[in-house]
Amino acid sequence: MNNKFKLSYCIISQLVLILLLITNHDAFCQLKDVYVDQTNVQIATVTNKKLIKYFVEDFMIPEKKVKKMVIYDLAGDGFGEHDIARTYPGARFYLLTPSNKAQKLMNRWSFGGNIKFTANFSDPPELFENAPDSVRAFGGIFAALLKGLRRNYRGKPFKLQLQQNGDVTAVEMWGYNPYLMKYKPPPVAKVPEKIPVMKLIYLEKTVVDSVYLGAK
């Protein structure tokens, strides 16, 4: 091996080593400095043809065939300016700058019907099983969730999303410490001991003396 070849080989080796270090450094920085998370965003799905046509013109959307429009409430403060609309079937995104009339229409939209329970770490799950009748069913679901969570996960930070669509129920959990997740079976329900009940029957006998009066 001549000196020129050795020199070229050393230079290439050093370049490869530098590239590997840079790549590993970038990957490390991404893992350290970037936190991937997700959140729930309120959306409004518009399918009315007349309303879609109006919004297409008001939002100055350069598409001719829009069959459905989904508007995302990014800031969580209601639908309006600085939110995003997505058209279908084009699947394109547009930043909203609605007119006063369009804004008044969107101000009428509300999610409605949502229920939220908040439990402190020391609150017993049974507390929610005794919720008012109007939300007692949801209280029972939340109580069962609390029991399973506290039994199987000893950590505190985590996020959970539960969805049911038709016959399919899906759950997703993230942001938790996997080392603190350990299965613990539910406690065995104690069956109350049946104590035999003795039925006592009292027989009462009444003796009636018959009195015969003889003829005088």
N, C-alpha and C. Protein backbone atom coordinates (compact mmCIF):
# COMPACT_ATOMS: atom_id res chain seq x y z
N MET A 1 0.86 -1.20 0.00
CA MET A 1 0.00 0.00 0.00
C MET A 1 0.89 1.24 0.00
N ASN A 2 0.77 2.11 -1.05
CA ASN A 2 1.60 3.30 -1.13
C ASN A 2 1.11 4.38 -0.19
N ASN A 3 1.92 5.42 -0.05
CA ASN A 3 1.60 6.48 0.90
C ASN A 3 0.37 7.27 0.49
N LYS A 4 0.21 7.49 -0.84
CA LYS A 4 -0.95 8.25 -1.31
C LYS A 4 -2.24 7.51 -0.99
N PHE A 5 -2.21 6.19 -1.19
CA PHE A 5 -3.42 5.40 -0.90
C PHE A 5 -3.73 5.41 0.59
N LYS A 6 -2.64 5.31 1.39
CA LYS A 6 -2.84 5.35 2.84
C LYS A 6 -3.44 6.68 3.28
N LEU A 7 -2.94 7.75 2.70
CA LEU A 7 -3.44 9.08 3.04
C LEU A 7 -4.91 9.23 2.66
N SER A 8 -5.24 8.77 1.44
CA SER A 8 -6.64 8.85 0.99
C SER A 8 -7.53 8.01 1.88
N TYR A 9 -7.07 6.82 2.25
CA TYR A 9 -7.86 5.93 3.11
C TYR A 9 -8.10 6.57 4.47
N CYS A 10 -7.06 7.24 5.02
CA CYS A 10 -7.21 7.89 6.32
C CYS A 10 -8.19 9.05 6.25
N ILE A 11 -8.11 9.83 5.17
CA ILE A 11 -9.03 10.97 5.01
C ILE A 11 -10.47 10.50 4.90
N ILE A 12 -10.69 9.45 4.08
CA ILE A 12 -12.05 8.92 3.92
C ILE A 12 -12.56 8.37 5.24
N SER A 13 -11.70 7.67 5.97
CA SER A 13 -12.11 7.10 7.26
C SER A 13 -12.51 8.20 8.24
N GLN A 14 -11.73 9.28 8.24
CA GLN A 14 -12.04 10.38 9.13
C GLN A 14 -13.35 11.07 8.75
N LEU A 15 -13.60 11.21 7.45
CA LEU A 15 -14.85 11.81 6.98
C LEU A 15 -16.05 10.97 7.38
N VAL A 16 -15.90 9.63 7.22
CA VAL A 16 -16.99 8.73 7.61
C VAL A 16 -17.26 8.82 9.10
N LEU A 17 -16.19 8.91 9.90
CA LEU A 17 -16.33 9.01 11.34
C LEU A 17 -17.02 10.31 11.73
N ILE A 18 -16.64 11.40 11.06
CA ILE A 18 -17.27 12.70 11.34
C ILE A 18 -18.75 12.67 10.99
N LEU A 19 -19.09 12.06 9.83
CA LEU A 19 -20.49 11.97 9.43
C LEU A 19 -21.29 11.14 10.42
N LEU A 20 -20.70 10.07 10.91
CA LEU A 20 -21.40 9.24 11.89
C LEU A 20 -21.63 10.01 13.18
N LEU A 21 -20.63 10.77 13.61
CA LEU A 21 -20.78 11.55 14.82
C LEU A 21 -21.85 12.62 14.66
N ILE A 22 -21.87 13.28 13.49
CA ILE A 22 -22.88 14.32 13.24
C ILE A 22 -24.27 13.70 13.21
N THR A 23 -24.40 12.55 12.54
CA THR A 23 -25.70 11.87 12.46
C THR A 23 -26.18 11.46 13.83
N ASN A 24 -25.29 10.86 14.61
CA ASN A 24 -25.68 10.45 15.96
C ASN A 24 -26.00 11.64 16.83
N HIS A 25 -25.25 12.75 16.65
CA HIS A 25 -25.51 13.96 17.43
C HIS A 25 -26.89 14.53 17.09
N ASP A 26 -27.22 14.56 15.77
CA ASP A 26 -28.53 15.06 15.35
C ASP A 26 -29.64 14.20 15.91
N ALA A 27 -29.45 12.87 15.84
CA ALA A 27 -30.48 11.98 16.37
C ALA A 27 -30.63 12.16 17.87
N PHE A 28 -29.50 12.35 18.57
CA PHE A 28 -29.57 12.56 20.01
C PHE A 28 -30.29 13.87 20.33
N CYS A 29 -29.98 14.92 19.57
CA CYS A 29 -30.63 16.20 19.80
C CYS A 29 -32.13 16.12 19.54
N GLN A 30 -32.51 15.36 18.51
CA GLN A 30 -33.92 15.20 18.22
C GLN A 30 -34.65 14.49 19.35
N LEU A 31 -34.00 13.46 19.90
CA LEU A 31 -34.63 12.73 20.99
C LEU A 31 -34.68 13.58 22.25
N LYS A 32 -33.67 14.42 22.45
CA LYS A 32 -33.57 15.19 23.67
C LYS A 32 -34.40 16.46 23.63
N ASP A 33 -34.40 17.15 22.49
CA ASP A 33 -34.99 18.47 22.40
C ASP A 33 -36.39 18.49 21.77
N VAL A 34 -36.82 17.39 21.19
CA VAL A 34 -38.13 17.34 20.54
C VAL A 34 -39.03 16.39 21.30
N TYR A 35 -40.17 16.90 21.74
CA TYR A 35 -41.14 16.09 22.47
C TYR A 35 -42.37 15.91 21.61
N VAL A 36 -42.64 14.68 21.21
CA VAL A 36 -43.78 14.37 20.36
C VAL A 36 -45.00 14.08 21.22
N ASP A 37 -46.09 14.76 20.96
CA ASP A 37 -47.30 14.62 21.75
C ASP A 37 -48.50 14.78 20.82
N GLN A 38 -49.68 14.61 21.34
CA GLN A 38 -50.88 14.84 20.55
C GLN A 38 -51.96 15.43 21.45
N THR A 39 -52.93 16.09 20.83
CA THR A 39 -53.98 16.73 21.59
C THR A 39 -55.28 16.64 20.80
N ASN A 40 -56.39 16.87 21.47
CA ASN A 40 -57.68 16.86 20.81
C ASN A 40 -58.00 18.24 20.25
N VAL A 41 -58.45 18.27 19.02
CA VAL A 41 -58.81 19.52 18.36
C VAL A 41 -60.27 19.44 17.95
N GLN A 42 -61.03 20.47 18.28
CA GLN A 42 -62.44 20.53 17.90
C GLN A 42 -62.55 20.80 16.40
N ILE A 43 -63.39 20.01 15.74
CA ILE A 43 -63.57 20.20 14.30
C ILE A 43 -65.06 20.33 13.99
N ALA A 44 -65.32 21.00 12.89
CA ALA A 44 -66.69 21.13 12.38
C ALA A 44 -66.69 20.62 10.94
N THR A 45 -67.54 19.66 10.65
CA THR A 45 -67.62 19.08 9.31
C THR A 45 -68.86 19.63 8.61
N VAL A 46 -68.65 20.28 7.49
CA VAL A 46 -69.73 20.92 6.73
C VAL A 46 -70.02 20.07 5.49
N THR A 47 -71.27 19.64 5.36
CA THR A 47 -71.66 18.83 4.20
C THR A 47 -72.80 19.47 3.40
N ASN A 48 -73.41 20.51 3.94
CA ASN A 48 -74.49 21.19 3.23
C ASN A 48 -73.93 21.89 1.99
N LYS A 49 -74.51 21.62 0.82
CA LYS A 49 -73.97 22.13 -0.44
C LYS A 49 -73.99 23.65 -0.51
N LYS A 50 -75.10 24.26 -0.06
CA LYS A 50 -75.19 25.72 -0.12
C LYS A 50 -74.19 26.38 0.82
N LEU A 51 -74.02 25.78 2.01
CA LEU A 51 -73.08 26.34 2.97
C LEU A 51 -71.64 26.17 2.50
N ILE A 52 -71.36 25.03 1.88
CA ILE A 52 -70.01 24.80 1.33
C ILE A 52 -69.71 25.83 0.24
N LYS A 53 -70.68 26.06 -0.64
CA LYS A 53 -70.49 27.03 -1.73
C LYS A 53 -70.24 28.42 -1.17
N TYR A 54 -70.97 28.77 -0.10
CA TYR A 54 -70.79 30.09 0.51
C TYR A 54 -69.39 30.22 1.12
N PHE A 55 -68.95 29.18 1.86
CA PHE A 55 -67.64 29.24 2.50
C PHE A 55 -66.51 29.23 1.48
N VAL A 56 -66.68 28.49 0.40
CA VAL A 56 -65.66 28.46 -0.67
C VAL A 56 -65.45 29.87 -1.22
N GLU A 57 -66.56 30.59 -1.42
CA GLU A 57 -66.45 31.96 -1.95
C GLU A 57 -65.92 32.91 -0.88
N ASP A 58 -66.39 32.75 0.37
CA ASP A 58 -65.99 33.67 1.43
C ASP A 58 -64.53 33.49 1.81
N PHE A 59 -64.08 32.25 1.83
CA PHE A 59 -62.68 31.97 2.19
C PHE A 59 -61.74 32.07 0.99
N MET A 60 -62.30 32.38 -0.18
CA MET A 60 -61.53 32.53 -1.42
C MET A 60 -60.73 31.26 -1.73
N ILE A 61 -61.43 30.13 -1.70
CA ILE A 61 -60.79 28.85 -1.97
C ILE A 61 -60.83 28.59 -3.47
N PRO A 62 -59.68 28.39 -4.10
CA PRO A 62 -59.63 28.23 -5.57
C PRO A 62 -59.90 26.79 -6.01
N GLU A 63 -61.02 26.24 -5.59
CA GLU A 63 -61.40 24.88 -6.00
C GLU A 63 -62.84 24.92 -6.50
N LYS A 64 -63.09 24.14 -7.54
CA LYS A 64 -64.43 24.12 -8.13
C LYS A 64 -65.32 23.05 -7.52
N LYS A 65 -64.77 21.89 -7.21
CA LYS A 65 -65.57 20.79 -6.70
C LYS A 65 -65.16 20.48 -5.25
N VAL A 66 -65.96 20.97 -4.32
CA VAL A 66 -65.74 20.70 -2.89
C VAL A 66 -67.01 20.03 -2.36
N LYS A 67 -66.89 18.78 -1.97
CA LYS A 67 -68.04 18.02 -1.48
C LYS A 67 -68.16 18.05 0.05
N LYS A 68 -67.04 18.29 0.71
CA LYS A 68 -67.05 18.33 2.17
C LYS A 68 -65.94 19.26 2.64
N MET A 69 -66.21 19.94 3.77
CA MET A 69 -65.23 20.86 4.32
C MET A 69 -65.11 20.61 5.83
N VAL A 70 -63.89 20.46 6.31
CA VAL A 70 -63.63 20.27 7.73
C VAL A 70 -62.86 21.47 8.25
N ILE A 71 -63.39 22.12 9.27
CA ILE A 71 -62.76 23.31 9.85
C ILE A 71 -62.21 22.95 11.22
N TYR A 72 -60.94 23.27 11.46
CA TYR A 72 -60.24 22.92 12.69
C TYR A 72 -60.11 24.14 13.60
N ASP A 73 -60.57 23.99 14.84
CA ASP A 73 -60.43 25.05 15.84
C ASP A 73 -59.07 24.89 16.51
N LEU A 74 -58.05 25.48 15.94
CA LEU A 74 -56.68 25.25 16.39
C LEU A 74 -56.40 25.82 17.77
N ALA A 75 -56.95 27.00 18.07
CA ALA A 75 -56.66 27.66 19.35
C ALA A 75 -57.61 27.23 20.46
N GLY A 76 -58.66 26.49 20.12
CA GLY A 76 -59.61 26.05 21.12
C GLY A 76 -60.50 27.16 21.64
N ASP A 77 -60.64 28.25 20.88
CA ASP A 77 -61.46 29.39 21.31
C ASP A 77 -62.66 29.61 20.41
N GLY A 78 -63.07 28.57 19.69
CA GLY A 78 -64.18 28.71 18.76
C GLY A 78 -63.68 28.86 17.34
N PHE A 79 -64.54 28.57 16.39
CA PHE A 79 -64.15 28.59 14.98
C PHE A 79 -64.10 30.03 14.47
N GLY A 80 -63.06 30.34 13.68
CA GLY A 80 -62.96 31.69 13.15
C GLY A 80 -61.61 31.96 12.54
N GLU A 81 -61.18 33.22 12.67
CA GLU A 81 -59.95 33.69 12.05
C GLU A 81 -58.74 32.93 12.59
N HIS A 82 -57.79 32.67 11.71
CA HIS A 82 -56.54 31.96 12.00
C HIS A 82 -56.74 30.46 12.19
N ASP A 83 -57.96 29.96 12.01
CA ASP A 83 -58.17 28.52 12.00
C ASP A 83 -57.94 28.00 10.59
N ILE A 84 -58.06 26.68 10.42
CA ILE A 84 -57.74 26.06 9.13
C ILE A 84 -58.94 25.26 8.63
N ALA A 85 -59.18 25.35 7.34
CA ALA A 85 -60.21 24.55 6.67
C ALA A 85 -59.53 23.58 5.72
N ARG A 86 -60.08 22.36 5.68
CA ARG A 86 -59.57 21.37 4.73
C ARG A 86 -60.71 20.91 3.83
N THR A 87 -60.45 20.90 2.55
CA THR A 87 -61.48 20.55 1.57
C THR A 87 -61.32 19.11 1.12
N TYR A 88 -62.44 18.54 0.72
CA TYR A 88 -62.44 17.17 0.20
C TYR A 88 -63.28 17.15 -1.07
N PRO A 89 -62.84 16.42 -2.10
CA PRO A 89 -61.78 15.40 -2.12
C PRO A 89 -60.37 15.93 -2.36
N GLY A 90 -60.20 17.24 -2.47
CA GLY A 90 -58.88 17.78 -2.75
C GLY A 90 -57.89 17.62 -1.62
N ALA A 91 -58.39 17.58 -0.35
CA ALA A 91 -57.56 17.40 0.84
C ALA A 91 -56.51 18.50 0.97
N ARG A 92 -56.90 19.74 0.64
CA ARG A 92 -55.98 20.87 0.77
C ARG A 92 -56.37 21.70 1.99
N PHE A 93 -55.37 22.40 2.56
CA PHE A 93 -55.58 23.21 3.74
C PHE A 93 -55.58 24.69 3.37
N TYR A 94 -56.44 25.47 4.09
CA TYR A 94 -56.54 26.90 3.84
C TYR A 94 -56.68 27.63 5.17
N LEU A 95 -55.90 28.70 5.33
CA LEU A 95 -56.00 29.54 6.51
C LEU A 95 -57.21 30.45 6.38
N LEU A 96 -58.02 30.53 7.44
CA LEU A 96 -59.29 31.24 7.36
C LEU A 96 -59.15 32.72 7.70
N THR A 97 -59.79 33.53 6.88
CA THR A 97 -59.99 34.96 7.16
C THR A 97 -61.46 35.26 6.84
N PRO A 98 -62.38 34.83 7.71
CA PRO A 98 -63.81 34.92 7.40
C PRO A 98 -64.33 36.36 7.47
N SER A 99 -65.37 36.59 6.70
CA SER A 99 -66.08 37.86 6.77
C SER A 99 -66.92 37.90 8.04
N ASN A 100 -67.53 39.03 8.32
CA ASN A 100 -68.38 39.16 9.52
C ASN A 100 -69.56 38.20 9.47
N LYS A 101 -70.15 38.05 8.29
CA LYS A 101 -71.29 37.14 8.15
C LYS A 101 -70.88 35.69 8.38
N ALA A 102 -69.75 35.30 7.79
CA ALA A 102 -69.27 33.93 7.98
C ALA A 102 -68.90 33.67 9.43
N GLN A 103 -68.33 34.68 10.08
CA GLN A 103 -67.96 34.53 11.49
C GLN A 103 -69.19 34.36 12.36
N LYS A 104 -70.25 35.08 12.07
CA LYS A 104 -71.49 34.94 12.84
C LYS A 104 -72.08 33.54 12.68
N LEU A 105 -71.97 32.99 11.47
CA LEU A 105 -72.45 31.63 11.25
C LEU A 105 -71.66 30.63 12.09
N MET A 106 -70.35 30.77 12.11
CA MET A 106 -69.51 29.84 12.85
C MET A 106 -69.63 30.01 14.36
N ASN A 107 -70.02 31.20 14.80
CA ASN A 107 -70.20 31.43 16.23
C ASN A 107 -71.34 30.60 16.81
N ARG A 108 -72.24 30.13 15.95
CA ARG A 108 -73.37 29.31 16.42
C ARG A 108 -72.98 27.86 16.67
N TRP A 109 -71.82 27.48 16.17
CA TRP A 109 -71.41 26.08 16.30
C TRP A 109 -70.84 25.82 17.69
N SER A 110 -71.27 24.76 18.29
CA SER A 110 -70.74 24.36 19.60
C SER A 110 -70.72 22.85 19.67
N PHE A 111 -69.77 22.34 20.42
CA PHE A 111 -69.62 20.88 20.53
C PHE A 111 -70.80 20.28 21.27
N GLY A 112 -71.06 20.77 22.47
CA GLY A 112 -72.25 20.36 23.23
C GLY A 112 -72.23 18.91 23.66
N GLY A 113 -72.84 18.63 24.79
CA GLY A 113 -73.01 17.26 25.24
C GLY A 113 -71.78 16.62 25.84
N ASN A 114 -70.68 17.36 25.95
CA ASN A 114 -69.47 16.75 26.49
C ASN A 114 -69.49 16.82 28.02
N ILE A 115 -69.01 15.78 28.65
CA ILE A 115 -68.95 15.68 30.11
C ILE A 115 -67.50 15.47 30.51
N LYS A 116 -67.08 16.14 31.56
CA LYS A 116 -65.71 15.99 32.03
C LYS A 116 -65.71 15.80 33.55
N PHE A 117 -65.08 14.73 33.99
CA PHE A 117 -64.88 14.47 35.42
C PHE A 117 -63.41 14.67 35.75
N THR A 118 -63.14 15.28 36.88
CA THR A 118 -61.77 15.47 37.35
C THR A 118 -61.65 14.87 38.74
N ALA A 119 -60.66 14.00 38.92
CA ALA A 119 -60.45 13.32 40.20
C ALA A 119 -59.07 13.64 40.74
N ASN A 120 -59.01 14.00 42.00
CA ASN A 120 -57.72 14.12 42.68
C ASN A 120 -57.17 12.72 42.94
N PHE A 121 -55.86 12.65 43.18
CA PHE A 121 -55.24 11.34 43.36
C PHE A 121 -55.78 10.62 44.60
N SER A 122 -56.29 11.39 45.55
CA SER A 122 -56.78 10.79 46.79
C SER A 122 -58.28 10.51 46.77
N ASP A 123 -58.96 10.91 45.69
CA ASP A 123 -60.41 10.69 45.62
C ASP A 123 -60.71 9.22 45.36
N PRO A 124 -61.58 8.61 46.13
CA PRO A 124 -61.93 7.21 45.89
C PRO A 124 -62.80 7.08 44.65
N PRO A 125 -62.61 6.03 43.85
CA PRO A 125 -63.43 5.86 42.64
C PRO A 125 -64.92 5.76 42.96
N GLU A 126 -65.25 5.22 44.12
CA GLU A 126 -66.67 5.07 44.49
C GLU A 126 -67.39 6.41 44.54
N LEU A 127 -66.62 7.48 44.71
CA LEU A 127 -67.23 8.81 44.75
C LEU A 127 -67.98 9.12 43.47
N PHE A 128 -67.46 8.65 42.34
CA PHE A 128 -68.06 8.96 41.04
C PHE A 128 -69.18 7.98 40.69
N GLU A 129 -69.20 6.85 41.37
CA GLU A 129 -70.31 5.93 41.16
C GLU A 129 -71.60 6.47 41.76
N ASN A 130 -71.47 7.43 42.66
CA ASN A 130 -72.63 8.06 43.29
C ASN A 130 -72.90 9.44 42.71
N ALA A 131 -72.51 9.65 41.46
CA ALA A 131 -72.75 10.94 40.80
C ALA A 131 -74.24 11.15 40.60
N PRO A 132 -74.66 12.38 40.31
CA PRO A 132 -76.09 12.63 40.05
C PRO A 132 -76.62 11.74 38.93
N ASP A 133 -77.92 11.49 38.97
CA ASP A 133 -78.53 10.57 38.01
C ASP A 133 -78.26 10.96 36.56
N SER A 134 -78.18 12.25 36.27
CA SER A 134 -78.01 12.70 34.88
C SER A 134 -76.65 12.28 34.30
N VAL A 135 -75.64 12.10 35.15
CA VAL A 135 -74.29 11.73 34.68
C VAL A 135 -73.78 10.49 35.42
N ARG A 136 -74.67 9.76 36.04
CA ARG A 136 -74.23 8.62 36.86
C ARG A 136 -73.62 7.51 36.00
N ALA A 137 -74.15 7.30 34.81
CA ALA A 137 -73.61 6.26 33.94
C ALA A 137 -72.16 6.58 33.57
N PHE A 138 -71.90 7.84 33.23
CA PHE A 138 -70.53 8.23 32.91
C PHE A 138 -69.65 8.16 34.16
N GLY A 139 -70.23 8.47 35.31
CA GLY A 139 -69.48 8.35 36.55
C GLY A 139 -69.06 6.92 36.82
N GLY A 140 -69.92 5.96 36.47
CA GLY A 140 -69.57 4.56 36.63
C GLY A 140 -68.42 4.15 35.72
N ILE A 141 -68.42 4.66 34.48
CA ILE A 141 -67.33 4.37 33.54
C ILE A 141 -66.03 4.95 34.07
N PHE A 142 -66.09 6.19 34.55
CA PHE A 142 -64.88 6.85 35.07
C PHE A 142 -64.36 6.15 36.32
N ALA A 143 -65.26 5.69 37.16
CA ALA A 143 -64.85 4.98 38.37
C ALA A 143 -64.13 3.67 38.02
N ALA A 144 -64.67 2.92 37.05
CA ALA A 144 -64.02 1.68 36.62
C ALA A 144 -62.65 1.95 36.02
N LEU A 145 -62.52 3.06 35.28
CA LEU A 145 -61.24 3.44 34.70
C LEU A 145 -60.23 3.77 35.80
N LEU A 146 -60.66 4.52 36.81
CA LEU A 146 -59.78 4.87 37.91
C LEU A 146 -59.28 3.63 38.66
N LYS A 147 -60.18 2.69 38.88
CA LYS A 147 -59.80 1.47 39.60
C LYS A 147 -58.73 0.70 38.83
N GLY A 148 -58.94 0.53 37.53
CA GLY A 148 -57.97 -0.20 36.72
C GLY A 148 -56.65 0.54 36.60
N LEU A 149 -56.71 1.86 36.47
CA LEU A 149 -55.49 2.65 36.34
C LEU A 149 -54.65 2.60 37.61
N ARG A 150 -55.27 2.82 38.74
CA ARG A 150 -54.53 2.85 40.00
C ARG A 150 -54.02 1.47 40.41
N ARG A 151 -54.65 0.45 39.89
CA ARG A 151 -54.20 -0.90 40.21
C ARG A 151 -53.01 -1.32 39.36
N ASN A 152 -52.95 -0.85 38.10
CA ASN A 152 -51.95 -1.35 37.16
C ASN A 152 -50.84 -0.36 36.83
N TYR A 153 -51.00 0.91 37.20
CA TYR A 153 -49.97 1.91 36.88
C TYR A 153 -49.71 2.77 38.09
N ARG A 154 -48.47 2.78 38.54
CA ARG A 154 -48.11 3.50 39.77
C ARG A 154 -47.59 4.91 39.49
N GLY A 155 -47.46 5.28 38.23
CA GLY A 155 -46.98 6.61 37.91
C GLY A 155 -48.13 7.60 37.84
N LYS A 156 -47.79 8.85 37.55
CA LYS A 156 -48.83 9.88 37.48
C LYS A 156 -49.02 10.46 36.08
N PRO A 157 -47.96 10.88 35.37
CA PRO A 157 -48.22 11.46 34.05
C PRO A 157 -48.52 10.41 32.99
N PHE A 158 -49.60 10.58 32.30
CA PHE A 158 -49.94 9.73 31.16
C PHE A 158 -51.14 10.35 30.47
N LYS A 159 -51.39 9.93 29.24
CA LYS A 159 -52.55 10.38 28.49
C LYS A 159 -53.25 9.18 27.89
N LEU A 160 -54.56 9.29 27.81
CA LEU A 160 -55.37 8.17 27.35
C LEU A 160 -56.47 8.68 26.43
N GLN A 161 -56.70 7.96 25.34
CA GLN A 161 -57.80 8.30 24.43
C GLN A 161 -58.60 7.04 24.15
N LEU A 162 -59.89 7.13 24.37
CA LEU A 162 -60.78 5.98 24.20
C LEU A 162 -61.85 6.34 23.19
N GLN A 163 -62.02 5.47 22.21
CA GLN A 163 -63.02 5.72 21.15
C GLN A 163 -63.81 4.45 20.86
N GLN A 164 -65.06 4.65 20.52
CA GLN A 164 -65.89 3.52 20.09
C GLN A 164 -66.66 3.93 18.85
N ASN A 165 -66.49 3.14 17.81
CA ASN A 165 -67.14 3.42 16.54
C ASN A 165 -67.77 2.13 16.04
N GLY A 166 -69.09 2.08 16.08
CA GLY A 166 -69.76 0.85 15.68
C GLY A 166 -69.46 -0.28 16.65
N ASP A 167 -68.95 -1.37 16.13
CA ASP A 167 -68.62 -2.54 16.96
C ASP A 167 -67.17 -2.54 17.42
N VAL A 168 -66.43 -1.50 17.10
CA VAL A 168 -65.00 -1.46 17.42
C VAL A 168 -64.73 -0.43 18.52
N THR A 169 -64.05 -0.87 19.57
CA THR A 169 -63.62 0.00 20.66
C THR A 169 -62.09 0.02 20.67
N ALA A 170 -61.50 1.21 20.65
CA ALA A 170 -60.04 1.35 20.59
C ALA A 170 -59.58 2.26 21.72
N VAL A 171 -58.44 1.93 22.30
CA VAL A 171 -57.84 2.75 23.36
C VAL A 171 -56.37 2.96 23.04
N GLU A 172 -55.88 4.17 23.27
CA GLU A 172 -54.48 4.51 23.03
C GLU A 172 -53.95 5.23 24.26
N MET A 173 -52.77 4.81 24.73
CA MET A 173 -52.16 5.40 25.91
C MET A 173 -50.74 5.82 25.57
N TRP A 174 -50.34 7.03 26.00
CA TRP A 174 -49.00 7.51 25.71
C TRP A 174 -48.55 8.47 26.82
N GLY A 175 -47.27 8.84 26.77
CA GLY A 175 -46.73 9.77 27.76
C GLY A 175 -46.58 9.18 29.14
N TYR A 176 -46.39 7.87 29.24
CA TYR A 176 -46.29 7.22 30.54
C TYR A 176 -44.94 6.51 30.66
N ASN A 177 -44.61 6.11 31.87
CA ASN A 177 -43.37 5.37 32.13
C ASN A 177 -43.66 3.88 32.04
N PRO A 178 -43.15 3.17 31.04
CA PRO A 178 -43.48 1.75 30.88
C PRO A 178 -42.98 0.88 32.03
N TYR A 179 -41.96 1.36 32.76
CA TYR A 179 -41.42 0.56 33.87
C TYR A 179 -42.35 0.58 35.08
N LEU A 180 -43.27 1.54 35.11
CA LEU A 180 -44.23 1.62 36.22
C LEU A 180 -45.55 0.96 35.88
N MET A 181 -45.62 0.35 34.70
CA MET A 181 -46.84 -0.33 34.25
C MET A 181 -46.71 -1.81 34.58
N LYS A 182 -47.42 -2.27 35.57
CA LYS A 182 -47.38 -3.67 35.98
C LYS A 182 -48.81 -4.16 36.23
N TYR A 183 -49.09 -5.32 35.64
CA TYR A 183 -50.44 -5.85 35.76
C TYR A 183 -50.71 -6.38 37.16
N LYS A 184 -51.85 -6.02 37.67
CA LYS A 184 -52.30 -6.53 38.96
C LYS A 184 -53.76 -6.94 38.80
N PRO A 185 -54.09 -8.19 39.03
CA PRO A 185 -55.46 -8.65 38.82
C PRO A 185 -56.43 -7.95 39.77
N PRO A 186 -57.65 -7.81 39.36
CA PRO A 186 -58.65 -7.17 40.24
C PRO A 186 -58.90 -8.04 41.47
N PRO A 187 -59.28 -7.41 42.55
CA PRO A 187 -59.55 -8.19 43.77
C PRO A 187 -60.74 -9.12 43.56
N VAL A 188 -60.65 -10.26 44.19
CA VAL A 188 -61.74 -11.24 44.09
C VAL A 188 -62.91 -10.76 44.93
N ALA A 189 -64.04 -10.70 44.27
CA ALA A 189 -65.22 -10.24 44.99
C ALA A 189 -65.63 -11.27 46.04
N LYS A 190 -65.85 -10.80 47.22
CA LYS A 190 -66.26 -11.68 48.30
C LYS A 190 -67.75 -11.98 48.20
N VAL A 191 -68.05 -13.27 48.11
CA VAL A 191 -69.45 -13.68 48.05
C VAL A 191 -69.97 -13.79 49.48
N PRO A 192 -71.02 -13.10 49.79
CA PRO A 192 -71.53 -13.16 51.16
C PRO A 192 -71.95 -14.58 51.53
N GLU A 193 -71.53 -15.00 52.72
CA GLU A 193 -71.84 -16.35 53.19
C GLU A 193 -73.32 -16.48 53.48
N LYS A 194 -73.87 -17.54 52.93
CA LYS A 194 -75.30 -17.77 53.14
C LYS A 194 -75.52 -18.50 54.45
N ILE A 195 -76.25 -17.88 55.31
CA ILE A 195 -76.58 -18.49 56.60
C ILE A 195 -77.97 -19.11 56.49
N PRO A 196 -78.07 -20.41 56.76
CA PRO A 196 -79.38 -21.05 56.64
C PRO A 196 -80.38 -20.46 57.64
N VAL A 197 -81.53 -20.22 57.12
CA VAL A 197 -82.60 -19.65 57.94
C VAL A 197 -83.56 -20.76 58.32
N MET A 198 -83.72 -20.96 59.62
CA MET A 198 -84.64 -21.98 60.11
C MET A 198 -86.04 -21.40 60.18
N LYS A 199 -86.91 -22.07 59.51
CA LYS A 199 -88.31 -21.64 59.55
C LYS A 199 -89.03 -22.39 60.67
N LEU A 200 -89.53 -21.66 61.60
CA LEU A 200 -90.24 -22.25 62.72
C LEU A 200 -91.74 -22.16 62.47
N ILE A 201 -92.36 -23.29 62.60
CA ILE A 201 -93.82 -23.33 62.38
C ILE A 201 -94.47 -23.66 63.72
N TYR A 202 -95.30 -22.82 64.12
CA TYR A 202 -96.02 -23.01 65.38
C TYR A 202 -97.41 -23.57 65.08
N LEU A 203 -97.69 -24.71 65.69
CA LEU A 203 -99.01 -25.30 65.54
C LEU A 203 -99.80 -25.05 66.82
N GLU A 204 -100.84 -24.40 66.66
CA GLU A 204 -101.67 -24.10 67.81
C GLU A 204 -102.92 -24.98 67.78
N LYS A 205 -103.20 -25.56 68.90
CA LYS A 205 -104.38 -26.42 69.00
C LYS A 205 -105.33 -25.82 70.05
N THR A 206 -106.47 -25.60 69.60
CA THR A 206 -107.47 -25.02 70.49
C THR A 206 -108.45 -26.11 70.90
N VAL A 207 -108.58 -26.30 72.19
CA VAL A 207 -109.50 -27.31 72.71
C VAL A 207 -110.76 -26.61 73.17
N VAL A 208 -111.81 -27.06 72.61
CA VAL A 208 -113.09 -26.47 72.98
C VAL A 208 -113.91 -27.50 73.77
N ASP A 209 -114.27 -27.18 74.91
CA ASP A 209 -115.10 -28.08 75.72
C ASP A 209 -116.56 -27.91 75.32
N SER A 210 -117.14 -29.04 75.03
CA SER A 210 -118.57 -29.01 74.69
C SER A 210 -119.39 -29.22 75.96
N VAL A 211 -120.34 -28.44 76.17
CA VAL A 211 -121.20 -28.52 77.35
C VAL A 211 -122.59 -28.92 76.91
N TYR A 212 -123.04 -30.05 77.44
CA TYR A 212 -124.38 -30.52 77.09
C TYR A 212 -125.31 -30.25 78.27
N LEU A 213 -126.38 -29.67 78.01
CA LEU A 213 -127.36 -29.41 79.04
C LEU A 213 -128.46 -30.46 78.96
N GLY A 214 -128.56 -31.20 80.05
CA GLY A 214 -129.62 -32.23 80.06
C GLY A 214 -131.01 -31.65 80.21
N ALA A 215 -131.97 -32.43 79.82
CA ALA A 215 -133.36 -31.96 79.93
C ALA A 215 -133.79 -31.98 81.40
N LYS A 216 -134.49 -31.02 81.82
CA LYS A 216 -135.01 -30.94 83.19
C LYS A 216 -136.23 -31.79 83.30
